[in-house]
């Protein structure tokens, strides 16, 4: 399935600032099940874009705006081709736990096994693990499937219950949160079983059933676990599903702290207000592949609000 995605980010400052330096992690990943066909960045201030790959393989674009400005808009347009990937077996052999331990002992996946800023053991997480009886009783694949379903059933999906920087204890206490919280909780629990687990940020295509809990046209997050013979397998605890053609992966990290869509600093005595809008839909016609060289363009901020700006005010992050 091919999708077109637009991601608009707006910073409005309470007073003019200068020397904004911004780092973006918004280009869809290249995976076995996913191919990025096009990617373009447009900013409201003149800027030259540079790009590199971080140590997790994410495409990172960055730019510097030296002049004074009271607002900054970053518009991302992506085209991506996503498939469901291979069908998973019903279970793995019980002996697969020996292979899981061997994977951990190899040191190859250390980053995905150690605690991280948003996915680390806490008394509340340990109490939750005891309450749900998490253990190695089932094979590794069945264990992760059961945990995915448990988080889905135990937590209410309630936007604005937590913040983007909330620790997992907030969601555990409220038994509610959003996709980021569920992914962090599941990451901590999966790692406690010795299974490598990583956090994925991205988008989810418009919902296909009333059971979907993630909102349309929003950012999304899920996890991937590394299993013997299968490699990386994606699970979405927000919707109690495996990842498939609706899940558009943008960046991978230990948790959200490694993959925020935007990260930057500026000089100036001012506050800032951040707004985000995402719009994604299946492509109406086949999308030709374009060169994915770093590109950036700039526009003059419009005097009147466009339809995209109006959508921005109706949007809330998931």
C-alpha atoms as a PDB file:
ATOM      1  CA  UNK A   1       0.000   0.000   0.000  1.00  0.00           C
ATOM      2  CA  UNK A   2       1.303   3.444  -0.900  1.00  0.00           C
ATOM      3  CA  UNK A   3       0.610   6.446   1.320  1.00  0.00           C
ATOM      4  CA  UNK A   4       1.109  10.193   1.181  1.00  0.00           C
ATOM      5  CA  UNK A   5       1.788  11.894   4.507  1.00  0.00           C
ATOM      6  CA  UNK A   6       2.080  15.554   5.410  1.00  0.00           C
ATOM      7  CA  UNK A   7       3.406  16.548   8.829  1.00  0.00           C
ATOM      8  CA  UNK A   8       3.187  20.240   9.716  1.00  0.00           C
ATOM      9  CA  UNK A   9       4.970  21.601  12.807  1.00  0.00           C
ATOM     10  CA  UNK A  10       4.618  25.203  13.947  1.00  0.00           C
ATOM     11  CA  UNK A  11       6.588  27.066  16.614  1.00  0.00           C
ATOM     12  CA  UNK A  12       5.263  30.493  17.636  1.00  0.00           C
ATOM     13  CA  UNK A  13       7.498  32.550  19.928  1.00  0.00           C
ATOM     14  CA  UNK A  14       6.342  35.214  22.381  1.00  0.00           C
ATOM     15  CA  UNK A  15       9.166  37.473  21.166  1.00  0.00           C
ATOM     16  CA  UNK A  16      11.574  37.355  18.224  1.00  0.00           C
ATOM     17  CA  UNK A  17      14.356  34.793  18.664  1.00  0.00           C
ATOM     18  CA  UNK A  18      17.532  34.105  16.715  1.00  0.00           C
ATOM     19  CA  UNK A  19      19.887  31.287  15.878  1.00  0.00           C
ATOM     20  CA  UNK A  20      17.337  28.486  15.850  1.00  0.00           C
ATOM     21  CA  UNK A  21      18.995  25.111  15.372  1.00  0.00           C
ATOM     22  CA  UNK A  22      16.589  22.279  14.562  1.00  0.00           C
ATOM     23  CA  UNK A  23      17.034  18.528  14.166  1.00  0.00           C
ATOM     24  CA  UNK A  24      14.353  16.397  12.481  1.00  0.00           C
ATOM     25  CA  UNK A  25      13.686  12.664  12.569  1.00  0.00           C
ATOM     26  CA  UNK A  26      10.784  12.481  10.134  1.00  0.00           C
ATOM     27  CA  UNK A  27      11.947  10.563   7.053  1.00  0.00           C
ATOM     28  CA  UNK A  28      10.278   7.114   6.870  1.00  0.00           C
ATOM     29  CA  UNK A  29      12.659   4.223   7.445  1.00  0.00           C
ATOM     30  CA  UNK A  30      13.889   1.764   4.840  1.00  0.00           C
ATOM     31  CA  UNK A  31      12.784  -1.684   6.043  1.00  0.00           C
ATOM     32  CA  UNK A  32      12.040  -5.093   4.540  1.00  0.00           C
ATOM     33  CA  UNK A  33       8.339  -4.195   4.602  1.00  0.00           C
ATOM     34  CA  UNK A  34       8.670  -0.478   3.856  1.00  0.00           C
ATOM     35  CA  UNK A  35      10.237   1.795   1.262  1.00  0.00           C
ATOM     36  CA  UNK A  36      10.398   5.590   1.337  1.00  0.00           C
ATOM     37  CA  UNK A  37       9.570   6.868  -2.162  1.00  0.00           C
ATOM     38  CA  UNK A  38       9.758  10.631  -1.627  1.00  0.00           C
ATOM     39  CA  UNK A  39      10.658  13.009   1.163  1.00  0.00           C
ATOM     40  CA  UNK A  40      10.737  16.805   1.211  1.00  0.00           C
ATOM     41  CA  UNK A  41      11.101  19.524   3.835  1.00  0.00           C
ATOM     42  CA  UNK A  42       9.692  23.041   3.538  1.00  0.00           C
ATOM     43  CA  UNK A  43      10.396  25.783   6.083  1.00  0.00           C
ATOM     44  CA  UNK A  44       8.966  29.282   6.539  1.00  0.00           C
ATOM     45  CA  UNK A  45      12.452  30.757   7.007  1.00  0.00           C
ATOM     46  CA  UNK A  46      15.326  30.430   4.558  1.00  0.00           C
ATOM     47  CA  UNK A  47      17.540  27.535   5.616  1.00  0.00           C
ATOM     48  CA  UNK A  48      20.031  25.082   4.186  1.00  0.00           C
ATOM     49  CA  UNK A  49      19.334  21.463   5.043  1.00  0.00           C
ATOM     50  CA  UNK A  50      21.961  18.872   5.961  1.00  0.00           C
ATOM     51  CA  UNK A  51      21.457  15.182   6.658  1.00  0.00           C
ATOM     52  CA  UNK A  52      23.143  12.186   8.243  1.00  0.00           C
ATOM     53  CA  UNK A  53      22.281   8.784   9.717  1.00  0.00           C
ATOM     54  CA  UNK A  54      22.396   8.374  13.487  1.00  0.00           C
ATOM     55  CA  UNK A  55      23.780   5.227  15.107  1.00  0.00           C
ATOM     56  CA  UNK A  56      20.344   3.571  14.993  1.00  0.00           C
ATOM     57  CA  UNK A  57      20.059   4.137  11.238  1.00  0.00           C
ATOM     58  CA  UNK A  58      17.507   6.958  11.386  1.00  0.00           C
ATOM     59  CA  UNK A  59      17.713   9.704   8.773  1.00  0.00           C
ATOM     60  CA  UNK A  60      18.375  12.970  10.623  1.00  0.00           C
ATOM     61  CA  UNK A  61      17.925  16.339   8.882  1.00  0.00           C
ATOM     62  CA  UNK A  62      19.099  19.527  10.523  1.00  0.00           C
ATOM     63  CA  UNK A  63      19.259  23.229   9.745  1.00  0.00           C
ATOM     64  CA  UNK A  64      20.193  26.562  11.314  1.00  0.00           C
ATOM     65  CA  UNK A  65      18.226  29.816  11.025  1.00  0.00           C
ATOM     66  CA  UNK A  66      20.527  32.675  12.110  1.00  0.00           C
ATOM     67  CA  UNK A  67      18.164  35.652  11.639  1.00  0.00           C
ATOM     68  CA  UNK A  68      15.516  36.961  13.984  1.00  0.00           C
ATOM     69  CA  UNK A  69      12.098  35.350  13.634  1.00  0.00           C
ATOM     70  CA  UNK A  70       8.899  35.121  15.646  1.00  0.00           C
ATOM     71  CA  UNK A  71       7.619  31.906  14.117  1.00  0.00           C
ATOM     72  CA  UNK A  72       8.905  28.788  12.405  1.00  0.00           C
ATOM     73  CA  UNK A  73       6.967  26.278  10.333  1.00  0.00           C
ATOM     74  CA  UNK A  74       8.311  22.952   9.128  1.00  0.00           C
ATOM     75  CA  UNK A  75       6.277  21.063   6.565  1.00  0.00           C
ATOM     76  CA  UNK A  76       7.208  17.471   5.748  1.00  0.00           C
ATOM     77  CA  UNK A  77       5.824  15.618   2.738  1.00  0.00           C
ATOM     78  CA  UNK A  78       6.499  11.888   2.480  1.00  0.00           C
ATOM     79  CA  UNK A  79       5.489   9.128   0.120  1.00  0.00           C
ATOM     80  CA  UNK A  80       5.956   5.583   1.339  1.00  0.00           C
ATOM     81  CA  UNK A  81       5.191   2.030   0.207  1.00  0.00           C
ATOM     82  CA  UNK A  82       4.306  -0.366   3.061  1.00  0.00           C
ATOM     83  CA  UNK A  83       3.432  -4.070   3.099  1.00  0.00           C
ATOM     84  CA  UNK A  84       2.193  -6.441   5.805  1.00  0.00           C
ATOM     85  CA  UNK A  85       5.376  -8.485   5.910  1.00  0.00           C
ATOM     86  CA  UNK A  86       5.540 -12.281   6.309  1.00  0.00           C
ATOM     87  CA  UNK A  87       2.823 -14.138   8.203  1.00  0.00           C
ATOM     88  CA  UNK A  88       3.807 -15.090  11.738  1.00  0.00           C
ATOM     89  CA  UNK A  89       3.542 -18.636  13.143  1.00  0.00           C
ATOM     90  CA  UNK A  90       1.071 -19.375  15.906  1.00  0.00           C
ATOM     91  CA  UNK A  91       3.923 -19.997  18.321  1.00  0.00           C
ATOM     92  CA  UNK A  92       7.624 -20.725  18.646  1.00  0.00           C
ATOM     93  CA  UNK A  93       9.078 -23.851  20.243  1.00  0.00           C
ATOM     94  CA  UNK A  94       9.363 -23.650  24.028  1.00  0.00           C
ATOM     95  CA  UNK A  95      13.110 -24.161  23.588  1.00  0.00           C
ATOM     96  CA  UNK A  96      13.226 -20.763  21.862  1.00  0.00           C
ATOM     97  CA  UNK A  97      13.899 -19.220  25.284  1.00  0.00           C
ATOM     98  CA  UNK A  98      17.372 -20.768  25.095  1.00  0.00           C
ATOM     99  CA  UNK A  99      17.882 -18.922  21.832  1.00  0.00           C
ATOM    100  CA  UNK A 100      16.569 -15.698  23.391  1.00  0.00           C
ATOM    101  CA  UNK A 101      19.169 -15.979  26.145  1.00  0.00           C
ATOM    102  CA  UNK A 102      21.880 -16.663  23.581  1.00  0.00           C
ATOM    103  CA  UNK A 103      20.856 -13.511  21.685  1.00  0.00           C
ATOM    104  CA  UNK A 104      21.131 -11.506  24.878  1.00  0.00           C
ATOM    105  CA  UNK A 105      24.512 -12.982  25.774  1.00  0.00           C
ATOM    106  CA  UNK A 106      25.931 -12.121  22.356  1.00  0.00           C
ATOM    107  CA  UNK A 107      25.945  -8.411  23.194  1.00  0.00           C
ATOM    108  CA  UNK A 108      24.608  -7.529  19.745  1.00  0.00           C
ATOM    109  CA  UNK A 109      21.321  -6.161  21.110  1.00  0.00           C
ATOM    110  CA  UNK A 110      22.502  -4.593  24.356  1.00  0.00           C
ATOM    111  CA  UNK A 111      20.824  -1.230  23.630  1.00  0.00           C
ATOM    112  CA  UNK A 112      17.477  -2.997  23.323  1.00  0.00           C
ATOM    113  CA  UNK A 113      17.848  -4.886  26.617  1.00  0.00           C
ATOM    114  CA  UNK A 114      19.098  -2.219  29.024  1.00  0.00           C
ATOM    115  CA  UNK A 115      16.804   0.264  30.813  1.00  0.00           C
ATOM    116  CA  UNK A 116      16.324   3.607  29.056  1.00  0.00           C
ATOM    117  CA  UNK A 117      15.031   7.033  30.196  1.00  0.00           C
ATOM    118  CA  UNK A 118      11.325   6.302  29.588  1.00  0.00           C
ATOM    119  CA  UNK A 119      11.401   2.493  29.769  1.00  0.00           C
ATOM    120  CA  UNK A 120      13.069   1.424  32.987  1.00  0.00           C
ATOM    121  CA  UNK A 121      11.994  -0.622  36.035  1.00  0.00           C
ATOM    122  CA  UNK A 122       9.981   1.240  38.653  1.00  0.00           C
ATOM    123  CA  UNK A 123       8.077  -0.090  41.680  1.00  0.00           C
ATOM    124  CA  UNK A 124       4.800   0.642  39.856  1.00  0.00           C
ATOM    125  CA  UNK A 125       5.929  -1.302  36.774  1.00  0.00           C
ATOM    126  CA  UNK A 126       7.073  -4.227  38.921  1.00  0.00           C
ATOM    127  CA  UNK A 127       3.744  -4.264  40.753  1.00  0.00           C
ATOM    128  CA  UNK A 128       1.914  -4.287  37.423  1.00  0.00           C
ATOM    129  CA  UNK A 129       4.093  -7.164  36.208  1.00  0.00           C
ATOM    130  CA  UNK A 130       3.194  -9.184  39.301  1.00  0.00           C
ATOM    131  CA  UNK A 131      -0.510  -8.340  38.953  1.00  0.00           C
ATOM    132  CA  UNK A 132      -0.696  -9.588  35.360  1.00  0.00           C
ATOM    133  CA  UNK A 133       1.524 -12.598  36.042  1.00  0.00           C
ATOM    134  CA  UNK A 134       4.126 -11.862  33.380  1.00  0.00           C
ATOM    135  CA  UNK A 135       6.548 -14.782  33.052  1.00  0.00           C
ATOM    136  CA  UNK A 136       8.194 -17.195  30.641  1.00  0.00           C
ATOM    137  CA  UNK A 137       5.449 -19.814  30.943  1.00  0.00           C
ATOM    138  CA  UNK A 138       4.614 -19.618  27.234  1.00  0.00           C
ATOM    139  CA  UNK A 139       7.008 -19.527  24.284  1.00  0.00           C
ATOM    140  CA  UNK A 140       8.530 -16.091  23.473  1.00  0.00           C
ATOM    141  CA  UNK A 141       6.134 -15.198  20.644  1.00  0.00           C
ATOM    142  CA  UNK A 142       3.030 -16.255  22.591  1.00  0.00           C
ATOM    143  CA  UNK A 143       4.285 -14.391  25.652  1.00  0.00           C
ATOM    144  CA  UNK A 144       4.653 -11.123  23.755  1.00  0.00           C
ATOM    145  CA  UNK A 145       1.266 -11.609  22.071  1.00  0.00           C
ATOM    146  CA  UNK A 146      -0.372 -12.119  25.466  1.00  0.00           C
ATOM    147  CA  UNK A 147       1.338  -9.043  26.883  1.00  0.00           C
ATOM    148  CA  UNK A 148       0.199  -6.982  23.897  1.00  0.00           C
ATOM    149  CA  UNK A 149      -3.405  -8.032  24.542  1.00  0.00           C
ATOM    150  CA  UNK A 150      -3.092  -7.435  28.294  1.00  0.00           C
ATOM    151  CA  UNK A 151      -1.909  -3.841  27.922  1.00  0.00           C
ATOM    152  CA  UNK A 152      -4.732  -3.218  25.448  1.00  0.00           C
ATOM    153  CA  UNK A 153      -7.331  -4.519  27.906  1.00  0.00           C
ATOM    154  CA  UNK A 154      -5.857  -3.037  31.105  1.00  0.00           C
ATOM    155  CA  UNK A 155      -5.424   0.570  29.914  1.00  0.00           C
ATOM    156  CA  UNK A 156      -7.950   3.069  28.613  1.00  0.00           C
ATOM    157  CA  UNK A 157      -6.978   5.125  25.602  1.00  0.00           C
ATOM    158  CA  UNK A 158      -7.424   8.695  26.826  1.00  0.00           C
ATOM    159  CA  UNK A 159      -5.570  11.540  25.074  1.00  0.00           C
ATOM    160  CA  UNK A 160      -4.301  14.325  27.330  1.00  0.00           C
ATOM    161  CA  UNK A 161      -4.108  11.981  30.326  1.00  0.00           C
ATOM    162  CA  UNK A 162      -0.323  12.187  30.062  1.00  0.00           C
ATOM    163  CA  UNK A 163       2.243  14.495  28.464  1.00  0.00           C
ATOM    164  CA  UNK A 164       4.963  13.775  25.951  1.00  0.00           C
ATOM    165  CA  UNK A 165       7.522  13.722  28.780  1.00  0.00           C
ATOM    166  CA  UNK A 166       5.430  11.770  31.296  1.00  0.00           C
ATOM    167  CA  UNK A 167       7.104   8.841  33.090  1.00  0.00           C
ATOM    168  CA  UNK A 168       5.436   5.446  32.778  1.00  0.00           C
ATOM    169  CA  UNK A 169       4.223   5.660  36.384  1.00  0.00           C
ATOM    170  CA  UNK A 170       1.676   8.325  35.367  1.00  0.00           C
ATOM    171  CA  UNK A 171      -0.058   5.953  32.940  1.00  0.00           C
ATOM    172  CA  UNK A 172       0.290   3.013  35.344  1.00  0.00           C
ATOM    173  CA  UNK A 173      -1.347   5.038  38.116  1.00  0.00           C
ATOM    174  CA  UNK A 174      -4.209   6.256  35.908  1.00  0.00           C
ATOM    175  CA  UNK A 175      -4.515   2.986  33.960  1.00  0.00           C
ATOM    176  CA  UNK A 176      -4.889   5.278  30.960  1.00  0.00           C
ATOM    177  CA  UNK A 177      -2.742   7.058  28.409  1.00  0.00           C
ATOM    178  CA  UNK A 178      -1.828   7.108  24.735  1.00  0.00           C
ATOM    179  CA  UNK A 179       0.289   5.091  22.334  1.00  0.00           C
ATOM    180  CA  UNK A 180       3.597   6.437  23.636  1.00  0.00           C
ATOM    181  CA  UNK A 181       2.759   5.343  27.200  1.00  0.00           C
ATOM    182  CA  UNK A 182       1.651   1.871  26.142  1.00  0.00           C
ATOM    183  CA  UNK A 183       4.792   1.390  24.033  1.00  0.00           C
ATOM    184  CA  UNK A 184       7.032   2.442  26.943  1.00  0.00           C
ATOM    185  CA  UNK A 185       5.263   0.143  29.406  1.00  0.00           C
ATOM    186  CA  UNK A 186       5.441  -2.806  27.030  1.00  0.00           C
ATOM    187  CA  UNK A 187       9.089  -2.088  26.267  1.00  0.00           C
ATOM    188  CA  UNK A 188       9.999  -2.193  29.949  1.00  0.00           C
ATOM    189  CA  UNK A 189       8.108  -5.443  30.510  1.00  0.00           C
ATOM    190  CA  UNK A 190       9.473  -7.203  27.424  1.00  0.00           C
ATOM    191  CA  UNK A 191      13.049  -6.269  28.331  1.00  0.00           C
ATOM    192  CA  UNK A 192      12.481  -7.622  31.846  1.00  0.00           C
ATOM    193  CA  UNK A 193      11.989 -11.035  30.202  1.00  0.00           C
ATOM    194  CA  UNK A 194      15.338 -10.767  28.439  1.00  0.00           C
ATOM    195  CA  UNK A 195      13.816 -10.158  24.983  1.00  0.00           C
ATOM    196  CA  UNK A 196      15.372  -7.308  22.950  1.00  0.00           C
ATOM    197  CA  UNK A 197      12.779  -4.578  22.430  1.00  0.00           C
ATOM    198  CA  UNK A 198      12.916  -1.242  20.632  1.00  0.00           C
ATOM    199  CA  UNK A 199      10.578   1.746  20.324  1.00  0.00           C
ATOM    200  CA  UNK A 200       9.215   2.799  16.921  1.00  0.00           C
ATOM    201  CA  UNK A 201       7.757   6.218  16.133  1.00  0.00           C
ATOM    202  CA  UNK A 202       5.724   6.858  13.024  1.00  0.00           C
ATOM    203  CA  UNK A 203       2.185   7.132  11.737  1.00  0.00           C
ATOM    204  CA  UNK A 204      -0.820   4.854  11.448  1.00  0.00           C
ATOM    205  CA  UNK A 205      -3.064   5.001   8.393  1.00  0.00           C
ATOM    206  CA  UNK A 206      -6.752   5.934   8.801  1.00  0.00           C
ATOM    207  CA  UNK A 207      -8.663   3.450  10.921  1.00  0.00           C
ATOM    208  CA  UNK A 208     -10.280   0.406   9.381  1.00  0.00           C
ATOM    209  CA  UNK A 209     -12.593  -0.576  12.229  1.00  0.00           C
ATOM    210  CA  UNK A 210     -14.249   0.831  15.326  1.00  0.00           C
ATOM    211  CA  UNK A 211     -11.823  -1.203  17.469  1.00  0.00           C
ATOM    212  CA  UNK A 212      -8.923   1.065  16.509  1.00  0.00           C
ATOM    213  CA  UNK A 213      -8.035   3.320  19.420  1.00  0.00           C
ATOM    214  CA  UNK A 214      -5.375   5.522  17.813  1.00  0.00           C
ATOM    215  CA  UNK A 215      -6.866   8.597  16.225  1.00  0.00           C
ATOM    216  CA  UNK A 216      -6.752   9.320  12.520  1.00  0.00           C
ATOM    217  CA  UNK A 217      -4.160  11.730  11.171  1.00  0.00           C
ATOM    218  CA  UNK A 218      -1.819  11.594  14.143  1.00  0.00           C
ATOM    219  CA  UNK A 219       1.616  10.424  15.079  1.00  0.00           C
ATOM    220  CA  UNK A 220       1.793   6.907  16.510  1.00  0.00           C
ATOM    221  CA  UNK A 221       4.170   4.641  18.417  1.00  0.00           C
ATOM    222  CA  UNK A 222       4.608   0.896  18.852  1.00  0.00           C
ATOM    223  CA  UNK A 223       7.357  -1.616  19.650  1.00  0.00           C
ATOM    224  CA  UNK A 224       9.418  -4.270  17.901  1.00  0.00           C
ATOM    225  CA  UNK A 225      10.850  -7.359  19.587  1.00  0.00           C
ATOM    226  CA  UNK A 226      13.717  -9.499  18.321  1.00  0.00           C
ATOM    227  CA  UNK A 227      12.726 -13.168  18.284  1.00  0.00           C
ATOM    228  CA  UNK A 228      14.640 -16.315  17.261  1.00  0.00           C
ATOM    229  CA  UNK A 229      14.170 -17.273  13.570  1.00  0.00           C
ATOM    230  CA  UNK A 230      11.792 -14.327  13.047  1.00  0.00           C
ATOM    231  CA  UNK A 231      14.014 -11.276  13.584  1.00  0.00           C
ATOM    232  CA  UNK A 232      12.282  -7.986  14.399  1.00  0.00           C
ATOM    233  CA  UNK A 233       8.513  -8.349  14.844  1.00  0.00           C
ATOM    234  CA  UNK A 234       6.240  -5.353  15.463  1.00  0.00           C
ATOM    235  CA  UNK A 235       3.447  -5.169  18.057  1.00  0.00           C
ATOM    236  CA  UNK A 236       0.990  -2.318  18.593  1.00  0.00           C
ATOM    237  CA  UNK A 237      -0.367  -2.443  22.167  1.00  0.00           C
ATOM    238  CA  UNK A 238      -2.617   0.550  21.521  1.00  0.00           C
ATOM    239  CA  UNK A 239      -4.666  -1.526  19.065  1.00  0.00           C
ATOM    240  CA  UNK A 240      -3.697  -5.085  20.109  1.00  0.00           C
ATOM    241  CA  UNK A 241      -2.323  -5.927  16.674  1.00  0.00           C
ATOM    242  CA  UNK A 242       0.841  -6.904  14.883  1.00  0.00           C
ATOM    243  CA  UNK A 243       2.221  -4.133  12.732  1.00  0.00           C
ATOM    244  CA  UNK A 244       1.256  -4.243   9.085  1.00  0.00           C
ATOM    245  CA  UNK A 245       0.650  -2.096   6.036  1.00  0.00           C
ATOM    246  CA  UNK A 246      -1.047   0.616   8.124  1.00  0.00           C
ATOM    247  CA  UNK A 247       2.028   1.214  10.296  1.00  0.00           C
ATOM    248  CA  UNK A 248       4.457   3.699   8.732  1.00  0.00           C
ATOM    249  CA  UNK A 249       7.751   3.560  10.650  1.00  0.00           C
ATOM    250  CA  UNK A 250       9.761   6.794  10.849  1.00  0.00           C
ATOM    251  CA  UNK A 251      12.429   6.291  13.521  1.00  0.00           C
ATOM    252  CA  UNK A 252      13.717   3.633  15.913  1.00  0.00           C
ATOM    253  CA  UNK A 253      15.241   4.092  19.356  1.00  0.00           C
ATOM    254  CA  UNK A 254      15.410   2.823  22.912  1.00  0.00           C
ATOM    255  CA  UNK A 255      12.351   4.961  23.712  1.00  0.00           C
ATOM    256  CA  UNK A 256      10.838   8.325  22.778  1.00  0.00           C
ATOM    257  CA  UNK A 257      13.881  10.242  24.020  1.00  0.00           C
ATOM    258  CA  UNK A 258      15.864   8.918  21.023  1.00  0.00           C
ATOM    259  CA  UNK A 259      13.297   9.725  18.330  1.00  0.00           C
ATOM    260  CA  UNK A 260      11.359  12.994  18.856  1.00  0.00           C
ATOM    261  CA  UNK A 261      10.241  14.332  15.456  1.00  0.00           C
ATOM    262  CA  UNK A 262      11.810  17.712  16.247  1.00  0.00           C
ATOM    263  CA  UNK A 263      14.543  18.693  18.668  1.00  0.00           C
ATOM    264  CA  UNK A 264      16.139  22.117  18.769  1.00  0.00           C
ATOM    265  CA  UNK A 265      17.346  25.184  20.620  1.00  0.00           C
ATOM    266  CA  UNK A 266      17.197  28.932  20.031  1.00  0.00           C
ATOM    267  CA  UNK A 267      18.697  32.120  21.424  1.00  0.00           C
ATOM    268  CA  UNK A 268      16.319  34.656  22.877  1.00  0.00           C
ATOM    269  CA  UNK A 269      14.292  35.576  25.935  1.00  0.00           C
ATOM    270  CA  UNK A 270      10.989  34.133  24.779  1.00  0.00           C
ATOM    271  CA  UNK A 271       8.533  31.356  25.331  1.00  0.00           C
ATOM    272  CA  UNK A 272       7.245  29.129  22.573  1.00  0.00           C
ATOM    273  CA  UNK A 273       4.042  27.394  21.578  1.00  0.00           C
ATOM    274  CA  UNK A 274       4.152  24.161  19.578  1.00  0.00           C
ATOM    275  CA  UNK A 275       1.349  22.937  17.295  1.00  0.00           C
ATOM    276  CA  UNK A 276       1.363  19.830  15.115  1.00  0.00           C
ATOM    277  CA  UNK A 277      -0.904  18.565  12.347  1.00  0.00           C
ATOM    278  CA  UNK A 278      -0.649  15.295  10.458  1.00  0.00           C
ATOM    279  CA  UNK A 279      -2.591  14.287   7.361  1.00  0.00           C
ATOM    280  CA  UNK A 280      -2.140  10.910   5.708  1.00  0.00           C
ATOM    281  CA  UNK A 281      -4.072   8.920   3.139  1.00  0.00           C
ATOM    282  CA  UNK A 282      -3.601   6.116   0.613  1.00  0.00           C
ATOM    283  CA  UNK A 283      -2.213   7.353  -2.691  1.00  0.00           C
ATOM    284  CA  UNK A 284      -4.850   7.718  -5.391  1.00  0.00           C
ATOM    285  CA  UNK A 285      -2.365   6.694  -8.120  1.00  0.00           C
ATOM    286  CA  UNK A 286       0.993   4.878  -8.203  1.00  0.00           C
ATOM    287  CA  UNK A 287       3.769   7.077  -6.837  1.00  0.00           C
ATOM    288  CA  UNK A 288       6.982   7.334  -8.871  1.00  0.00           C
ATOM    289  CA  UNK A 289      10.253   7.166  -6.978  1.00  0.00           C
ATOM    290  CA  UNK A 290      12.226  10.404  -6.663  1.00  0.00           C
ATOM    291  CA  UNK A 291      15.784  10.989  -5.576  1.00  0.00           C
ATOM    292  CA  UNK A 292      15.942  11.084  -1.771  1.00  0.00           C
ATOM    293  CA  UNK A 293      18.808  13.560  -1.563  1.00  0.00           C
ATOM    294  CA  UNK A 294      18.419  16.031   1.335  1.00  0.00           C
ATOM    295  CA  UNK A 295      16.183  18.831   0.136  1.00  0.00           C
ATOM    296  CA  UNK A 296      14.702  21.925   1.682  1.00  0.00           C
ATOM    297  CA  UNK A 297      12.693  24.848   0.427  1.00  0.00           C
ATOM    298  CA  UNK A 298      11.228  27.929   2.062  1.00  0.00           C
ATOM    299  CA  UNK A 299       8.052  29.931   1.875  1.00  0.00           C
ATOM    300  CA  UNK A 300       6.857  33.331   3.056  1.00  0.00           C
ATOM    301  CA  UNK A 301       4.384  32.932   5.934  1.00  0.00           C
ATOM    302  CA  UNK A 302       0.904  33.584   4.503  1.00  0.00           C
ATOM    303  CA  UNK A 303      -1.106  36.583   5.667  1.00  0.00           C
ATOM    304  CA  UNK A 304      -4.251  34.508   6.018  1.00  0.00           C
ATOM    305  CA  UNK A 305      -4.664  31.034   7.426  1.00  0.00           C
ATOM    306  CA  UNK A 306      -4.631  28.247   4.854  1.00  0.00           C
ATOM    307  CA  UNK A 307      -6.736  25.102   5.133  1.00  0.00           C
ATOM    308  CA  UNK A 308      -3.672  23.306   6.509  1.00  0.00           C
ATOM    309  CA  UNK A 309      -3.385  25.919   9.244  1.00  0.00           C
ATOM    310  CA  UNK A 310      -7.036  25.526  10.118  1.00  0.00           C
ATOM    311  CA  UNK A 311      -6.516  21.758  10.391  1.00  0.00           C
ATOM    312  CA  UNK A 312      -3.615  22.442  12.730  1.00  0.00           C
ATOM    313  CA  UNK A 313      -5.851  23.918  15.401  1.00  0.00           C
ATOM    314  CA  UNK A 314      -8.161  20.892  15.318  1.00  0.00           C
ATOM    315  CA  UNK A 315      -5.305  18.427  15.742  1.00  0.00           C
ATOM    316  CA  UNK A 316      -4.085  16.781  18.933  1.00  0.00           C
ATOM    317  CA  UNK A 317      -1.155  14.427  19.205  1.00  0.00           C
ATOM    318  CA  UNK A 318      -1.759  10.813  20.060  1.00  0.00           C
END
